[in-house]
Amino acid sequence: MSPRGVAIPDLRERLFAAAERVVARDGAAALTSRAITAEADCGKGVLHTHFTGLDEFVAELLLDRFARSARQAEALEAKVGEGTVAGNLQEVVLDLLEALPAAVVGLAMTRPGAALHTREGFQSGAPAFDAIQHAFTAYLQAEQRGGRLAVGADTATIALALVGTVHHLLMTRVPGQGEDAEATTRRLLAILLGGAGQPPTA
């Protein structure tokens, strides 16, 4: 455990990662300030030193993961012309689902204080689904200009469908039950990109 008074490098991320492990292992109901700090191996009062309470912590965790997801989506720009269009998009979609654990999203939405803080963060300009959708659209338009996507393809609608799928999977998927996210997104991309004049494996 870190000694009292000694600064902990990257404390926010350490606490966020610890909270995700607690939720993944023990369920959302087990997420308490004490459980988080114990998992992070730091003092019991550390969380409340940096956050007003658990609600703000959960909201800030979700806002941080949305910002990370938006950066991952924006990184698609570097993949234009490489690999396959469907493969590049699927990789990012699966990364987004990994970065936004369903249990954490659900926790932030069901705790009134956390939901309010999250909503205020989005209203203040924090990246959300709209930023991810914009990044998808920009990538598809770049691939379209490069000739890897049909000229008539509706890039905005394809991006919207992908973001809608991510949102649906976040809200409804249960690990080990039903079709997995990889299979779902593969089928969706085959339909969307196939309809845009590309073969299913494009």
N, C-alpha and C. Protein backbone atom coordinates (compact mmCIF):
# COMPACT_ATOMS: atom_id res chain seq x y z
N MET A 1 0.84 -1.18 0.00
CA MET A 1 0.00 0.00 0.00
C MET A 1 0.88 1.24 0.00
N SER A 2 0.46 2.27 -0.72
CA SER A 2 1.26 3.49 -0.79
C SER A 2 1.27 4.20 0.55
N PRO A 3 2.43 4.66 1.02
CA PRO A 3 2.53 5.33 2.31
C PRO A 3 1.71 6.62 2.32
N ARG A 4 1.21 7.00 3.49
CA ARG A 4 0.43 8.22 3.62
C ARG A 4 1.27 9.42 3.18
N GLY A 5 0.66 10.30 2.39
CA GLY A 5 1.35 11.52 1.99
C GLY A 5 2.20 11.38 0.75
N VAL A 6 2.34 10.17 0.24
CA VAL A 6 3.15 9.95 -0.96
C VAL A 6 2.25 9.98 -2.18
N ALA A 7 2.59 10.80 -3.17
CA ALA A 7 1.77 10.92 -4.37
C ALA A 7 1.77 9.61 -5.15
N ILE A 8 0.61 9.25 -5.68
CA ILE A 8 0.47 8.03 -6.46
C ILE A 8 0.37 8.40 -7.93
N PRO A 9 1.32 7.98 -8.74
CA PRO A 9 1.28 8.32 -10.17
C PRO A 9 0.01 7.77 -10.83
N ASP A 10 -0.57 8.58 -11.72
CA ASP A 10 -1.74 8.14 -12.48
C ASP A 10 -2.85 7.60 -11.57
N LEU A 11 -3.13 8.34 -10.51
CA LEU A 11 -4.09 7.85 -9.51
C LEU A 11 -5.48 7.64 -10.09
N ARG A 12 -5.95 8.58 -10.89
CA ARG A 12 -7.30 8.45 -11.46
C ARG A 12 -7.43 7.14 -12.24
N GLU A 13 -6.47 6.88 -13.12
CA GLU A 13 -6.55 5.66 -13.93
C GLU A 13 -6.42 4.43 -13.05
N ARG A 14 -5.62 4.50 -12.03
CA ARG A 14 -5.47 3.37 -11.11
C ARG A 14 -6.79 3.06 -10.42
N LEU A 15 -7.49 4.09 -9.99
CA LEU A 15 -8.79 3.89 -9.34
C LEU A 15 -9.84 3.43 -10.35
N PHE A 16 -9.82 4.01 -11.55
CA PHE A 16 -10.78 3.61 -12.58
C PHE A 16 -10.61 2.13 -12.94
N ALA A 17 -9.38 1.73 -13.17
CA ALA A 17 -9.11 0.33 -13.53
C ALA A 17 -9.51 -0.61 -12.40
N ALA A 18 -9.26 -0.18 -11.17
CA ALA A 18 -9.65 -1.00 -10.02
C ALA A 18 -11.16 -1.17 -9.96
N ALA A 19 -11.90 -0.09 -10.20
CA ALA A 19 -13.37 -0.15 -10.18
C ALA A 19 -13.88 -1.11 -11.25
N GLU A 20 -13.28 -1.08 -12.43
CA GLU A 20 -13.70 -1.99 -13.50
C GLU A 20 -13.45 -3.44 -13.12
N ARG A 21 -12.35 -3.69 -12.44
CA ARG A 21 -12.07 -5.07 -12.02
C ARG A 21 -13.07 -5.54 -10.98
N VAL A 22 -13.42 -4.65 -10.05
CA VAL A 22 -14.39 -5.01 -9.01
C VAL A 22 -15.74 -5.35 -9.64
N VAL A 23 -16.18 -4.51 -10.56
CA VAL A 23 -17.48 -4.74 -11.21
C VAL A 23 -17.46 -6.02 -12.03
N ALA A 24 -16.37 -6.24 -12.78
CA ALA A 24 -16.27 -7.44 -13.62
C ALA A 24 -16.26 -8.71 -12.78
N ARG A 25 -15.61 -8.64 -11.63
CA ARG A 25 -15.45 -9.84 -10.80
C ARG A 25 -16.64 -10.08 -9.87
N ASP A 26 -17.14 -9.00 -9.26
CA ASP A 26 -18.13 -9.14 -8.19
C ASP A 26 -19.50 -8.54 -8.50
N GLY A 27 -19.62 -7.85 -9.63
CA GLY A 27 -20.90 -7.23 -9.98
C GLY A 27 -20.99 -5.79 -9.52
N ALA A 28 -21.91 -5.06 -10.13
CA ALA A 28 -22.05 -3.62 -9.86
C ALA A 28 -22.40 -3.34 -8.39
N ALA A 29 -23.17 -4.23 -7.78
CA ALA A 29 -23.59 -4.01 -6.39
C ALA A 29 -22.41 -4.00 -5.42
N ALA A 30 -21.31 -4.59 -5.83
CA ALA A 30 -20.13 -4.67 -4.94
C ALA A 30 -19.26 -3.42 -5.01
N LEU A 31 -19.60 -2.49 -5.90
CA LEU A 31 -18.75 -1.32 -6.09
C LEU A 31 -18.99 -0.30 -4.98
N THR A 32 -18.05 -0.21 -4.06
CA THR A 32 -18.07 0.78 -3.00
C THR A 32 -16.73 1.48 -2.98
N SER A 33 -16.68 2.61 -2.31
CA SER A 33 -15.42 3.35 -2.21
C SER A 33 -14.33 2.48 -1.60
N ARG A 34 -14.69 1.75 -0.57
CA ARG A 34 -13.70 0.90 0.10
C ARG A 34 -13.23 -0.24 -0.81
N ALA A 35 -14.17 -0.83 -1.57
CA ALA A 35 -13.79 -1.91 -2.48
C ALA A 35 -12.84 -1.41 -3.55
N ILE A 36 -13.08 -0.19 -4.03
CA ILE A 36 -12.23 0.39 -5.08
C ILE A 36 -10.83 0.66 -4.55
N THR A 37 -10.73 1.31 -3.40
CA THR A 37 -9.40 1.64 -2.89
C THR A 37 -8.64 0.40 -2.45
N ALA A 38 -9.36 -0.61 -1.96
CA ALA A 38 -8.69 -1.86 -1.59
C ALA A 38 -8.13 -2.53 -2.84
N GLU A 39 -8.92 -2.55 -3.90
CA GLU A 39 -8.47 -3.16 -5.16
C GLU A 39 -7.30 -2.40 -5.75
N ALA A 40 -7.32 -1.07 -5.58
CA ALA A 40 -6.24 -0.22 -6.11
C ALA A 40 -5.02 -0.20 -5.20
N ASP A 41 -5.15 -0.81 -4.02
CA ASP A 41 -4.06 -0.87 -3.05
C ASP A 41 -3.61 0.53 -2.64
N CYS A 42 -4.59 1.34 -2.23
CA CYS A 42 -4.25 2.68 -1.73
C CYS A 42 -5.15 3.00 -0.54
N GLY A 43 -4.89 4.11 0.11
CA GLY A 43 -5.60 4.46 1.33
C GLY A 43 -7.10 4.57 1.15
N LYS A 44 -7.85 4.26 2.21
CA LYS A 44 -9.31 4.25 2.15
C LYS A 44 -9.90 5.60 1.78
N GLY A 45 -9.25 6.68 2.19
CA GLY A 45 -9.81 8.00 1.93
C GLY A 45 -9.39 8.63 0.62
N VAL A 46 -8.58 7.95 -0.15
CA VAL A 46 -8.03 8.54 -1.37
C VAL A 46 -9.12 8.92 -2.36
N LEU A 47 -10.10 8.05 -2.55
CA LEU A 47 -11.15 8.34 -3.52
C LEU A 47 -11.89 9.62 -3.17
N HIS A 48 -12.22 9.79 -1.90
CA HIS A 48 -12.98 10.96 -1.49
C HIS A 48 -12.12 12.22 -1.44
N THR A 49 -10.83 12.05 -1.53
CA THR A 49 -9.94 13.22 -1.62
C THR A 49 -10.01 13.83 -3.01
N HIS A 50 -10.28 13.01 -4.01
CA HIS A 50 -10.26 13.46 -5.40
C HIS A 50 -11.64 13.54 -6.04
N PHE A 51 -12.65 12.92 -5.41
CA PHE A 51 -14.02 12.95 -5.93
C PHE A 51 -14.96 13.26 -4.78
N THR A 52 -16.09 13.90 -5.07
CA THR A 52 -17.03 14.25 -4.00
C THR A 52 -17.73 13.04 -3.43
N GLY A 53 -17.73 11.95 -4.17
CA GLY A 53 -18.37 10.74 -3.70
C GLY A 53 -18.38 9.69 -4.80
N LEU A 54 -19.05 8.58 -4.54
CA LEU A 54 -19.05 7.47 -5.49
C LEU A 54 -19.77 7.84 -6.78
N ASP A 55 -20.85 8.65 -6.67
CA ASP A 55 -21.58 9.02 -7.88
C ASP A 55 -20.69 9.80 -8.84
N GLU A 56 -19.98 10.77 -8.32
CA GLU A 56 -19.09 11.55 -9.20
C GLU A 56 -17.98 10.66 -9.76
N PHE A 57 -17.47 9.76 -8.93
CA PHE A 57 -16.43 8.85 -9.40
C PHE A 57 -16.91 8.00 -10.57
N VAL A 58 -18.10 7.41 -10.42
CA VAL A 58 -18.64 6.54 -11.48
C VAL A 58 -18.86 7.35 -12.75
N ALA A 59 -19.39 8.56 -12.60
CA ALA A 59 -19.62 9.41 -13.78
C ALA A 59 -18.31 9.77 -14.46
N GLU A 60 -17.31 10.12 -13.68
CA GLU A 60 -16.02 10.48 -14.25
C GLU A 60 -15.35 9.28 -14.92
N LEU A 61 -15.56 8.10 -14.38
CA LEU A 61 -15.06 6.88 -15.01
C LEU A 61 -15.69 6.71 -16.39
N LEU A 62 -17.01 6.87 -16.46
CA LEU A 62 -17.69 6.71 -17.74
C LEU A 62 -17.26 7.79 -18.74
N LEU A 63 -17.15 9.02 -18.29
CA LEU A 63 -16.73 10.12 -19.17
C LEU A 63 -15.31 9.87 -19.69
N ASP A 64 -14.46 9.37 -18.82
CA ASP A 64 -13.08 9.06 -19.23
C ASP A 64 -13.06 7.97 -20.29
N ARG A 65 -13.87 6.94 -20.11
CA ARG A 65 -13.89 5.83 -21.07
C ARG A 65 -14.52 6.25 -22.39
N PHE A 66 -15.49 7.15 -22.35
CA PHE A 66 -16.04 7.67 -23.60
C PHE A 66 -14.98 8.49 -24.35
N ALA A 67 -14.21 9.29 -23.62
CA ALA A 67 -13.16 10.08 -24.26
C ALA A 67 -12.12 9.17 -24.87
N ARG A 68 -11.77 8.10 -24.18
CA ARG A 68 -10.81 7.14 -24.71
C ARG A 68 -11.36 6.48 -25.97
N SER A 69 -12.65 6.14 -25.94
CA SER A 69 -13.28 5.50 -27.09
C SER A 69 -13.30 6.43 -28.30
N ALA A 70 -13.57 7.71 -28.04
CA ALA A 70 -13.57 8.69 -29.14
C ALA A 70 -12.18 8.78 -29.77
N ARG A 71 -11.15 8.74 -28.94
CA ARG A 71 -9.78 8.78 -29.48
C ARG A 71 -9.49 7.54 -30.31
N GLN A 72 -9.98 6.39 -29.87
CA GLN A 72 -9.78 5.16 -30.63
C GLN A 72 -10.47 5.24 -31.99
N ALA A 73 -11.68 5.81 -32.00
CA ALA A 73 -12.40 5.96 -33.26
C ALA A 73 -11.68 6.93 -34.19
N GLU A 74 -11.17 8.01 -33.63
CA GLU A 74 -10.44 9.00 -34.44
C GLU A 74 -9.17 8.41 -35.03
N ALA A 75 -8.60 7.41 -34.37
CA ALA A 75 -7.37 6.78 -34.85
C ALA A 75 -7.60 5.99 -36.14
N LEU A 76 -8.87 5.80 -36.52
CA LEU A 76 -9.17 5.13 -37.79
C LEU A 76 -8.55 5.88 -38.96
N GLU A 77 -8.40 7.18 -38.81
CA GLU A 77 -7.84 8.00 -39.89
C GLU A 77 -6.50 7.47 -40.36
N ALA A 78 -5.72 6.93 -39.44
CA ALA A 78 -4.39 6.42 -39.78
C ALA A 78 -4.47 5.09 -40.54
N LYS A 79 -5.66 4.47 -40.59
CA LYS A 79 -5.79 3.17 -41.24
C LYS A 79 -6.41 3.27 -42.63
N VAL A 80 -6.68 4.47 -43.09
CA VAL A 80 -7.28 4.64 -44.42
C VAL A 80 -6.37 4.00 -45.47
N GLY A 81 -6.95 3.13 -46.29
CA GLY A 81 -6.19 2.48 -47.34
C GLY A 81 -5.46 1.22 -46.91
N GLU A 82 -5.53 0.90 -45.62
CA GLU A 82 -4.85 -0.29 -45.10
C GLU A 82 -5.87 -1.34 -44.67
N GLY A 83 -5.44 -2.61 -44.66
CA GLY A 83 -6.33 -3.68 -44.23
C GLY A 83 -7.59 -3.70 -45.07
N THR A 84 -8.73 -3.95 -44.41
CA THR A 84 -10.02 -3.88 -45.08
C THR A 84 -10.90 -2.88 -44.35
N VAL A 85 -11.85 -2.32 -45.06
CA VAL A 85 -12.76 -1.34 -44.45
C VAL A 85 -13.52 -2.00 -43.30
N ALA A 86 -14.12 -3.16 -43.57
CA ALA A 86 -14.89 -3.85 -42.54
C ALA A 86 -14.01 -4.26 -41.36
N GLY A 87 -12.83 -4.77 -41.66
CA GLY A 87 -11.92 -5.19 -40.59
C GLY A 87 -11.51 -4.04 -39.70
N ASN A 88 -11.21 -2.89 -40.30
CA ASN A 88 -10.81 -1.72 -39.52
C ASN A 88 -11.95 -1.25 -38.62
N LEU A 89 -13.15 -1.21 -39.18
CA LEU A 89 -14.30 -0.77 -38.40
C LEU A 89 -14.63 -1.74 -37.28
N GLN A 90 -14.59 -3.04 -37.60
CA GLN A 90 -14.92 -4.02 -36.57
C GLN A 90 -13.93 -3.98 -35.42
N GLU A 91 -12.67 -3.80 -35.72
CA GLU A 91 -11.66 -3.73 -34.66
C GLU A 91 -11.95 -2.59 -33.70
N VAL A 92 -12.34 -1.44 -34.25
CA VAL A 92 -12.63 -0.29 -33.39
C VAL A 92 -13.91 -0.52 -32.60
N VAL A 93 -14.93 -1.08 -33.23
CA VAL A 93 -16.19 -1.35 -32.52
C VAL A 93 -15.94 -2.27 -31.33
N LEU A 94 -15.17 -3.32 -31.53
CA LEU A 94 -14.89 -4.26 -30.44
C LEU A 94 -14.05 -3.59 -29.35
N ASP A 95 -13.13 -2.71 -29.76
CA ASP A 95 -12.34 -1.95 -28.78
C ASP A 95 -13.25 -1.04 -27.96
N LEU A 96 -14.24 -0.43 -28.61
CA LEU A 96 -15.17 0.45 -27.91
C LEU A 96 -15.96 -0.33 -26.87
N LEU A 97 -16.41 -1.50 -27.23
CA LEU A 97 -17.17 -2.32 -26.29
C LEU A 97 -16.31 -2.75 -25.10
N GLU A 98 -15.03 -2.98 -25.36
CA GLU A 98 -14.11 -3.34 -24.29
C GLU A 98 -13.85 -2.15 -23.37
N ALA A 99 -13.76 -0.96 -23.98
CA ALA A 99 -13.47 0.26 -23.20
C ALA A 99 -14.66 0.77 -22.42
N LEU A 100 -15.87 0.34 -22.82
CA LEU A 100 -17.09 0.78 -22.16
C LEU A 100 -17.83 -0.44 -21.60
N PRO A 101 -17.35 -0.99 -20.48
CA PRO A 101 -17.99 -2.18 -19.91
C PRO A 101 -19.47 -1.94 -19.63
N ALA A 102 -20.31 -2.87 -20.06
CA ALA A 102 -21.76 -2.70 -19.92
C ALA A 102 -22.17 -2.46 -18.46
N ALA A 103 -21.51 -3.13 -17.54
CA ALA A 103 -21.88 -2.98 -16.12
C ALA A 103 -21.59 -1.57 -15.63
N VAL A 104 -20.49 -0.97 -16.09
CA VAL A 104 -20.15 0.39 -15.67
C VAL A 104 -21.12 1.39 -16.28
N VAL A 105 -21.44 1.20 -17.57
CA VAL A 105 -22.41 2.08 -18.22
C VAL A 105 -23.75 2.01 -17.51
N GLY A 106 -24.19 0.78 -17.21
CA GLY A 106 -25.46 0.60 -16.52
C GLY A 106 -25.46 1.23 -15.14
N LEU A 107 -24.33 1.13 -14.44
CA LEU A 107 -24.22 1.71 -13.11
C LEU A 107 -24.34 3.22 -13.17
N ALA A 108 -23.69 3.84 -14.15
CA ALA A 108 -23.72 5.29 -14.29
C ALA A 108 -25.12 5.78 -14.65
N MET A 109 -25.89 4.94 -15.35
CA MET A 109 -27.22 5.35 -15.76
C MET A 109 -28.28 5.11 -14.69
N THR A 110 -28.02 4.18 -13.77
CA THR A 110 -29.04 3.83 -12.77
C THR A 110 -28.85 4.55 -11.44
N ARG A 111 -27.68 5.14 -11.22
CA ARG A 111 -27.47 5.94 -10.02
C ARG A 111 -27.81 7.39 -10.37
N PRO A 112 -28.88 7.97 -9.81
CA PRO A 112 -29.33 9.31 -10.21
C PRO A 112 -28.22 10.37 -10.17
N GLY A 113 -27.43 10.36 -9.11
CA GLY A 113 -26.36 11.36 -9.01
C GLY A 113 -25.32 11.18 -10.10
N ALA A 114 -24.97 9.93 -10.38
CA ALA A 114 -23.98 9.65 -11.42
C ALA A 114 -24.54 10.00 -12.79
N ALA A 115 -25.83 9.69 -13.01
CA ALA A 115 -26.47 10.00 -14.29
C ALA A 115 -26.49 11.50 -14.54
N LEU A 116 -26.79 12.27 -13.50
CA LEU A 116 -26.82 13.72 -13.63
C LEU A 116 -25.44 14.27 -13.95
N HIS A 117 -24.43 13.81 -13.24
CA HIS A 117 -23.07 14.29 -13.47
C HIS A 117 -22.60 13.91 -14.88
N THR A 118 -22.95 12.71 -15.31
CA THR A 118 -22.58 12.28 -16.66
C THR A 118 -23.25 13.15 -17.70
N ARG A 119 -24.53 13.40 -17.53
CA ARG A 119 -25.27 14.24 -18.47
C ARG A 119 -24.68 15.65 -18.52
N GLU A 120 -24.33 16.19 -17.38
CA GLU A 120 -23.72 17.52 -17.34
C GLU A 120 -22.38 17.53 -18.06
N GLY A 121 -21.64 16.43 -17.92
CA GLY A 121 -20.36 16.33 -18.61
C GLY A 121 -20.54 16.34 -20.12
N PHE A 122 -21.51 15.59 -20.61
CA PHE A 122 -21.79 15.56 -22.05
C PHE A 122 -22.26 16.93 -22.54
N GLN A 123 -23.11 17.59 -21.74
CA GLN A 123 -23.62 18.90 -22.12
C GLN A 123 -22.50 19.95 -22.16
N SER A 124 -21.45 19.69 -21.38
CA SER A 124 -20.31 20.62 -21.35
C SER A 124 -19.31 20.35 -22.47
N GLY A 125 -19.58 19.33 -23.28
CA GLY A 125 -18.72 19.07 -24.42
C GLY A 125 -17.87 17.82 -24.34
N ALA A 126 -18.04 17.01 -23.29
CA ALA A 126 -17.26 15.78 -23.20
C ALA A 126 -17.67 14.85 -24.35
N PRO A 127 -16.71 14.15 -24.95
CA PRO A 127 -17.02 13.26 -26.08
C PRO A 127 -18.02 12.19 -25.70
N ALA A 128 -18.94 11.92 -26.62
CA ALA A 128 -19.95 10.88 -26.41
C ALA A 128 -20.15 10.13 -27.72
N PHE A 129 -21.31 9.51 -27.89
CA PHE A 129 -21.56 8.73 -29.10
C PHE A 129 -21.48 9.59 -30.35
N ASP A 130 -21.85 10.88 -30.24
CA ASP A 130 -21.82 11.72 -31.43
C ASP A 130 -20.40 11.90 -31.95
N ALA A 131 -19.43 11.99 -31.04
CA ALA A 131 -18.03 12.13 -31.46
C ALA A 131 -17.54 10.86 -32.15
N ILE A 132 -17.97 9.71 -31.63
CA ILE A 132 -17.60 8.43 -32.23
C ILE A 132 -18.24 8.30 -33.61
N GLN A 133 -19.49 8.68 -33.71
CA GLN A 133 -20.19 8.63 -35.00
C GLN A 133 -19.50 9.53 -36.02
N HIS A 134 -19.10 10.71 -35.61
CA HIS A 134 -18.40 11.64 -36.51
C HIS A 134 -17.09 11.02 -37.00
N ALA A 135 -16.37 10.36 -36.11
CA ALA A 135 -15.10 9.74 -36.50
C ALA A 135 -15.33 8.61 -37.49
N PHE A 136 -16.37 7.81 -37.27
CA PHE A 136 -16.71 6.75 -38.22
C PHE A 136 -17.04 7.33 -39.59
N THR A 137 -17.85 8.39 -39.60
CA THR A 137 -18.24 9.01 -40.86
C THR A 137 -17.03 9.55 -41.61
N ALA A 138 -16.14 10.23 -40.88
CA ALA A 138 -14.94 10.79 -41.51
C ALA A 138 -14.07 9.68 -42.11
N TYR A 139 -13.95 8.57 -41.40
CA TYR A 139 -13.15 7.46 -41.92
C TYR A 139 -13.78 6.89 -43.19
N LEU A 140 -15.08 6.66 -43.16
CA LEU A 140 -15.77 6.10 -44.32
C LEU A 140 -15.67 7.04 -45.52
N GLN A 141 -15.77 8.33 -45.29
CA GLN A 141 -15.65 9.29 -46.38
C GLN A 141 -14.25 9.27 -46.98
N ALA A 142 -13.24 9.09 -46.11
CA ALA A 142 -11.86 9.02 -46.60
C ALA A 142 -11.66 7.77 -47.46
N GLU A 143 -12.23 6.65 -47.01
CA GLU A 143 -12.14 5.42 -47.80
C GLU A 143 -12.92 5.56 -49.11
N GLN A 144 -14.00 6.29 -49.06
CA GLN A 144 -14.80 6.54 -50.26
C GLN A 144 -13.99 7.35 -51.28
N ARG A 145 -13.30 8.36 -50.80
CA ARG A 145 -12.46 9.17 -51.70
C ARG A 145 -11.33 8.34 -52.29
N GLY A 146 -10.87 7.35 -51.53
CA GLY A 146 -9.78 6.51 -52.01
C GLY A 146 -10.24 5.36 -52.89
N GLY A 147 -11.55 5.25 -53.10
CA GLY A 147 -12.07 4.23 -54.00
C GLY A 147 -12.36 2.89 -53.35
N ARG A 148 -12.25 2.81 -52.02
CA ARG A 148 -12.51 1.52 -51.36
C ARG A 148 -13.95 1.40 -50.87
N LEU A 149 -14.74 2.41 -51.10
CA LEU A 149 -16.16 2.40 -50.76
C LEU A 149 -16.90 3.05 -51.92
N ALA A 150 -18.05 2.47 -52.29
CA ALA A 150 -18.80 2.97 -53.45
C ALA A 150 -19.11 4.45 -53.32
N VAL A 151 -19.07 5.15 -54.46
CA VAL A 151 -19.31 6.59 -54.48
C VAL A 151 -20.67 6.93 -53.88
N GLY A 152 -21.65 6.09 -54.13
CA GLY A 152 -22.99 6.39 -53.65
C GLY A 152 -23.28 5.93 -52.24
N ALA A 153 -22.30 5.39 -51.56
CA ALA A 153 -22.53 4.89 -50.20
C ALA A 153 -22.91 6.02 -49.26
N ASP A 154 -23.90 5.79 -48.42
CA ASP A 154 -24.35 6.78 -47.44
C ASP A 154 -23.50 6.61 -46.17
N THR A 155 -22.38 7.30 -46.14
CA THR A 155 -21.42 7.11 -45.05
C THR A 155 -22.00 7.50 -43.68
N ALA A 156 -22.81 8.54 -43.65
CA ALA A 156 -23.38 8.98 -42.38
C ALA A 156 -24.33 7.93 -41.81
N THR A 157 -25.11 7.29 -42.68
CA THR A 157 -26.05 6.27 -42.22
C THR A 157 -25.32 5.02 -41.76
N ILE A 158 -24.27 4.64 -42.47
CA ILE A 158 -23.47 3.49 -42.05
C ILE A 158 -22.88 3.74 -40.67
N ALA A 159 -22.33 4.95 -40.47
CA ALA A 159 -21.76 5.30 -39.17
C ALA A 159 -22.81 5.28 -38.08
N LEU A 160 -24.00 5.80 -38.39
CA LEU A 160 -25.09 5.81 -37.42
C LEU A 160 -25.49 4.40 -37.03
N ALA A 161 -25.56 3.51 -38.02
CA ALA A 161 -25.93 2.12 -37.75
C ALA A 161 -24.90 1.45 -36.85
N LEU A 162 -23.63 1.74 -37.07
CA LEU A 162 -22.58 1.15 -36.24
C LEU A 162 -22.66 1.66 -34.81
N VAL A 163 -22.85 2.96 -34.65
CA VAL A 163 -22.94 3.53 -33.30
C VAL A 163 -24.19 3.02 -32.60
N GLY A 164 -25.28 2.90 -33.35
CA GLY A 164 -26.51 2.36 -32.76
C GLY A 164 -26.32 0.93 -32.29
N THR A 165 -25.54 0.16 -33.05
CA THR A 165 -25.26 -1.22 -32.65
C THR A 165 -24.41 -1.26 -31.38
N VAL A 166 -23.40 -0.40 -31.31
CA VAL A 166 -22.57 -0.32 -30.11
C VAL A 166 -23.44 0.01 -28.90
N HIS A 167 -24.31 1.00 -29.05
CA HIS A 167 -25.18 1.39 -27.95
C HIS A 167 -26.08 0.23 -27.52
N HIS A 168 -26.66 -0.46 -28.49
CA HIS A 168 -27.54 -1.60 -28.19
C HIS A 168 -26.79 -2.70 -27.45
N LEU A 169 -25.59 -3.02 -27.94
CA LEU A 169 -24.81 -4.08 -27.29
C LEU A 169 -24.41 -3.69 -25.88
N LEU A 170 -24.08 -2.43 -25.68
CA LEU A 170 -23.72 -1.97 -24.33
C LEU A 170 -24.87 -2.14 -23.36
N MET A 171 -26.08 -1.88 -23.83
CA MET A 171 -27.24 -1.89 -22.95
C MET A 171 -27.83 -3.29 -22.74
N THR A 172 -27.57 -4.21 -23.69
CA THR A 172 -28.30 -5.48 -23.64
C THR A 172 -27.45 -6.74 -23.55
N ARG A 173 -26.18 -6.67 -23.92
CA ARG A 173 -25.43 -7.92 -24.01
C ARG A 173 -25.14 -8.49 -22.62
N VAL A 174 -25.21 -9.79 -22.54
CA VAL A 174 -24.89 -10.52 -21.31
C VAL A 174 -23.79 -11.50 -21.67
N PRO A 175 -22.60 -11.39 -21.04
CA PRO A 175 -21.50 -12.29 -21.37
C PRO A 175 -21.92 -13.75 -21.33
N GLY A 176 -21.58 -14.48 -22.41
CA GLY A 176 -21.88 -15.90 -22.46
C GLY A 176 -23.27 -16.24 -22.94
N GLN A 177 -24.08 -15.20 -23.21
CA GLN A 177 -25.45 -15.46 -23.68
C GLN A 177 -25.67 -14.79 -25.03
N GLY A 178 -26.29 -15.50 -25.95
CA GLY A 178 -26.61 -14.95 -27.25
C GLY A 178 -25.39 -14.83 -28.15
N GLU A 179 -25.61 -14.25 -29.33
CA GLU A 179 -24.54 -14.08 -30.29
C GLU A 179 -23.51 -13.09 -29.76
N ASP A 180 -22.23 -13.37 -29.94
CA ASP A 180 -21.24 -12.46 -29.40
C ASP A 180 -21.10 -11.22 -30.27
N ALA A 181 -20.45 -10.20 -29.69
CA ALA A 181 -20.34 -8.91 -30.37
C ALA A 181 -19.59 -9.01 -31.68
N GLU A 182 -18.58 -9.85 -31.73
CA GLU A 182 -17.80 -9.98 -32.95
C GLU A 182 -18.65 -10.50 -34.10
N ALA A 183 -19.44 -11.52 -33.83
CA ALA A 183 -20.31 -12.09 -34.87
C ALA A 183 -21.38 -11.08 -35.30
N THR A 184 -21.92 -10.36 -34.33
CA THR A 184 -22.97 -9.38 -34.64
C THR A 184 -22.44 -8.27 -35.53
N THR A 185 -21.29 -7.70 -35.17
CA THR A 185 -20.75 -6.60 -35.97
C THR A 185 -20.28 -7.09 -37.33
N ARG A 186 -19.77 -8.32 -37.41
CA ARG A 186 -19.34 -8.85 -38.70
C ARG A 186 -20.52 -8.95 -39.65
N ARG A 187 -21.65 -9.48 -39.15
CA ARG A 187 -22.84 -9.60 -39.98
C ARG A 187 -23.37 -8.23 -40.39
N LEU A 188 -23.38 -7.30 -39.45
CA LEU A 188 -23.88 -5.96 -39.76
C LEU A 188 -23.02 -5.28 -40.82
N LEU A 189 -21.71 -5.37 -40.68
CA LEU A 189 -20.82 -4.74 -41.65
C LEU A 189 -20.94 -5.39 -43.03
N ALA A 190 -21.15 -6.68 -43.06
CA ALA A 190 -21.34 -7.36 -44.35
C ALA A 190 -22.55 -6.80 -45.07
N ILE A 191 -23.61 -6.54 -44.31
CA ILE A 191 -24.84 -5.98 -44.90
C ILE A 191 -24.62 -4.53 -45.31
N LEU A 192 -24.07 -3.71 -44.41
CA LEU A 192 -23.89 -2.28 -44.68
C LEU A 192 -22.93 -2.03 -45.83
N LEU A 193 -21.79 -2.71 -45.80
CA LEU A 193 -20.79 -2.47 -46.82
C LEU A 193 -21.10 -3.22 -48.10
N GLY A 194 -21.75 -4.36 -47.98
CA GLY A 194 -22.18 -5.08 -49.18
C GLY A 194 -23.19 -4.26 -49.94
N GLY A 195 -24.10 -3.61 -49.21
CA GLY A 195 -25.09 -2.75 -49.84
C GLY A 195 -24.48 -1.49 -50.41
N ALA A 196 -23.26 -1.19 -50.00
CA ALA A 196 -22.59 0.02 -50.51
C ALA A 196 -21.74 -0.30 -51.73
N GLY A 197 -21.90 -1.51 -52.25
CA GLY A 197 -21.17 -1.86 -53.46
C GLY A 197 -19.88 -2.59 -53.19
N GLN A 198 -19.70 -3.08 -51.96
CA GLN A 198 -18.49 -3.80 -51.60
C GLN A 198 -18.85 -5.26 -51.33
N PRO A 199 -17.95 -6.18 -51.57
CA PRO A 199 -18.22 -7.58 -51.21
C PRO A 199 -18.29 -7.70 -49.69
N PRO A 200 -18.96 -8.72 -49.15
CA PRO A 200 -19.10 -8.88 -47.70
C PRO A 200 -17.80 -8.86 -46.93
N THR A 201 -16.68 -9.22 -47.57
CA THR A 201 -15.41 -9.26 -46.85
C THR A 201 -14.61 -7.98 -47.04
N ALA A 202 -15.20 -6.93 -47.61
CA ALA A 202 -14.45 -5.70 -47.90
C ALA A 202 -13.96 -5.03 -46.64
